[in-house]
Amino acid sequence: MSERARLAWRCRRGMLELDLLLGGFLDRGYDGLKEHQRQLFREMLDWSDQELLVQLLGQQAPRDGEYVEIIAAIRRAAAP
């Protein structure tokens, strides 16, 4: 299985909102990331669904400042 296929599988979560946000970002934003940002995205996929949701919806500040940029990129990719 390719890395891209593994990431697509990991972007499938238990919540439709997360599926749309993460899967959409993988399709529209992931390829433009630097390697460090890609690593942060992969680390975020280890977070619980609830933690991801509150971070991506802006209901809670990122637990670490280095995630601010990647969270913003995911939100931008989801915007119509």
C-alpha atoms as a PDB file:
ATOM      1  CA  MET A   1       0.000   0.000   0.000  1.00  0.00           C
ATOM      2  CA  SER A   2       1.371   3.413  -0.956  1.00  0.00           C
ATOM      3  CA  GLU A   3       1.886   6.192   1.572  1.00  0.00           C
ATOM      4  CA  ARG A   4      -0.912   8.185  -0.059  1.00  0.00           C
ATOM      5  CA  ALA A   5      -3.333   5.260   0.283  1.00  0.00           C
ATOM      6  CA  ARG A   6      -2.370   4.812   3.948  1.00  0.00           C
ATOM      7  CA  LEU A   7      -2.983   8.503   4.591  1.00  0.00           C
ATOM      8  CA  ALA A   8      -6.348   8.351   2.835  1.00  0.00           C
ATOM      9  CA  TRP A   9      -7.306   5.417   5.052  1.00  0.00           C
ATOM     10  CA  ARG A  10      -6.197   7.271   8.192  1.00  0.00           C
ATOM     11  CA  CYS A  11      -8.220  10.348   7.133  1.00  0.00           C
ATOM     12  CA  ARG A  12     -11.388   8.256   7.283  1.00  0.00           C
ATOM     13  CA  ARG A  13     -12.709   8.861  10.777  1.00  0.00           C
ATOM     14  CA  GLY A  14     -15.847   8.234  12.741  1.00  0.00           C
ATOM     15  CA  MET A  15     -17.309  11.662  11.978  1.00  0.00           C
ATOM     16  CA  LEU A  16     -18.445  12.980   8.616  1.00  0.00           C
ATOM     17  CA  GLU A  17     -17.050  16.434   9.436  1.00  0.00           C
ATOM     18  CA  LEU A  18     -13.578  15.017   9.974  1.00  0.00           C
ATOM     19  CA  ASP A  19     -13.793  12.834   6.883  1.00  0.00           C
ATOM     20  CA  LEU A  20     -14.593  15.921   4.811  1.00  0.00           C
ATOM     21  CA  LEU A  21     -11.957  18.147   6.411  1.00  0.00           C
ATOM     22  CA  LEU A  22      -9.102  15.651   6.407  1.00  0.00           C
ATOM     23  CA  GLY A  23      -9.912  13.913   3.137  1.00  0.00           C
ATOM     24  CA  GLY A  24     -10.470  17.231   1.401  1.00  0.00           C
ATOM     25  CA  PHE A  25      -7.151  18.510   2.657  1.00  0.00           C
ATOM     26  CA  LEU A  26      -5.373  15.374   1.514  1.00  0.00           C
ATOM     27  CA  ASP A  27      -6.848  15.874  -1.962  1.00  0.00           C
ATOM     28  CA  ARG A  28      -6.378  19.649  -2.217  1.00  0.00           C
ATOM     29  CA  GLY A  29      -3.599  20.739   0.119  1.00  0.00           C
ATOM     30  CA  TYR A  30      -1.279  17.968   1.217  1.00  0.00           C
ATOM     31  CA  ASP A  31       0.899  17.927  -1.888  1.00  0.00           C
ATOM     32  CA  GLY A  32       1.852  21.582  -1.379  1.00  0.00           C
ATOM     33  CA  LEU A  33       3.260  21.007   2.107  1.00  0.00           C
ATOM     34  CA  LYS A  34       6.896  20.938   3.102  1.00  0.00           C
ATOM     35  CA  GLU A  35       8.118  17.685   4.636  1.00  0.00           C
ATOM     36  CA  HIS A  36       7.987  19.078   8.190  1.00  0.00           C
ATOM     37  CA  GLN A  37       4.362  20.082   7.662  1.00  0.00           C
ATOM     38  CA  ARG A  38       3.564  16.656   6.242  1.00  0.00           C
ATOM     39  CA  GLN A  39       5.002  15.115   9.384  1.00  0.00           C
ATOM     40  CA  LEU A  40       2.786  17.339  11.546  1.00  0.00           C
ATOM     41  CA  PHE A  41      -0.268  16.279   9.524  1.00  0.00           C
ATOM     42  CA  ARG A  42       0.626  12.603   9.999  1.00  0.00           C
ATOM     43  CA  GLU A  43       1.041  13.199  13.744  1.00  0.00           C
ATOM     44  CA  MET A  44      -2.356  14.891  13.895  1.00  0.00           C
ATOM     45  CA  LEU A  45      -3.927  11.755  12.468  1.00  0.00           C
ATOM     46  CA  ASP A  46      -2.947  10.018  15.731  1.00  0.00           C
ATOM     47  CA  TRP A  47      -5.119  12.438  17.736  1.00  0.00           C
ATOM     48  CA  SER A  48      -8.563  11.383  18.887  1.00  0.00           C
ATOM     49  CA  ASP A  49     -11.548  12.374  16.768  1.00  0.00           C
ATOM     50  CA  GLN A  50     -12.752  14.780  19.442  1.00  0.00           C
ATOM     51  CA  GLU A  51      -9.392  16.511  19.746  1.00  0.00           C
ATOM     52  CA  LEU A  52      -9.112  16.853  15.968  1.00  0.00           C
ATOM     53  CA  LEU A  53     -12.612  18.247  15.706  1.00  0.00           C
ATOM     54  CA  VAL A  54     -12.187  20.980  18.335  1.00  0.00           C
ATOM     55  CA  GLN A  55      -8.821  21.965  16.860  1.00  0.00           C
ATOM     56  CA  LEU A  56     -10.017  22.073  13.259  1.00  0.00           C
ATOM     57  CA  LEU A  57     -13.229  23.917  14.085  1.00  0.00           C
ATOM     58  CA  GLY A  58     -11.287  26.495  16.109  1.00  0.00           C
ATOM     59  CA  GLN A  59     -13.060  25.681  19.357  1.00  0.00           C
ATOM     60  CA  GLN A  60      -9.738  25.174  21.129  1.00  0.00           C
ATOM     61  CA  ALA A  61      -6.295  26.634  20.535  1.00  0.00           C
ATOM     62  CA  PRO A  62      -3.712  24.170  19.198  1.00  0.00           C
ATOM     63  CA  ARG A  63      -1.951  22.300  21.958  1.00  0.00           C
ATOM     64  CA  ASP A  64       1.371  23.187  20.374  1.00  0.00           C
ATOM     65  CA  GLY A  65       2.115  26.299  18.362  1.00  0.00           C
ATOM     66  CA  GLU A  66       3.765  24.377  15.552  1.00  0.00           C
ATOM     67  CA  TYR A  67       0.350  22.979  14.565  1.00  0.00           C
ATOM     68  CA  VAL A  68      -1.199  26.424  13.988  1.00  0.00           C
ATOM     69  CA  GLU A  69      -0.071  26.637  10.375  1.00  0.00           C
ATOM     70  CA  ILE A  70      -1.171  23.134   9.382  1.00  0.00           C
ATOM     71  CA  ILE A  71      -4.552  23.561  11.068  1.00  0.00           C
ATOM     72  CA  ALA A  72      -5.045  26.798   9.136  1.00  0.00           C
ATOM     73  CA  ALA A  73      -4.079  25.031   5.898  1.00  0.00           C
ATOM     74  CA  ILE A  74      -6.648  22.295   6.552  1.00  0.00           C
ATOM     75  CA  ARG A  75      -9.341  24.926   7.186  1.00  0.00           C
ATOM     76  CA  ARG A  76      -8.417  26.807   4.002  1.00  0.00           C
ATOM     77  CA  ALA A  77      -8.629  23.613   1.929  1.00  0.00           C
ATOM     78  CA  ALA A  78     -12.135  23.013   3.294  1.00  0.00           C
ATOM     79  CA  ALA A  79     -13.391  26.489   2.409  1.00  0.00           C
ATOM     80  CA  PRO A  80     -15.685  26.689  -0.625  1.00  0.00           C
END
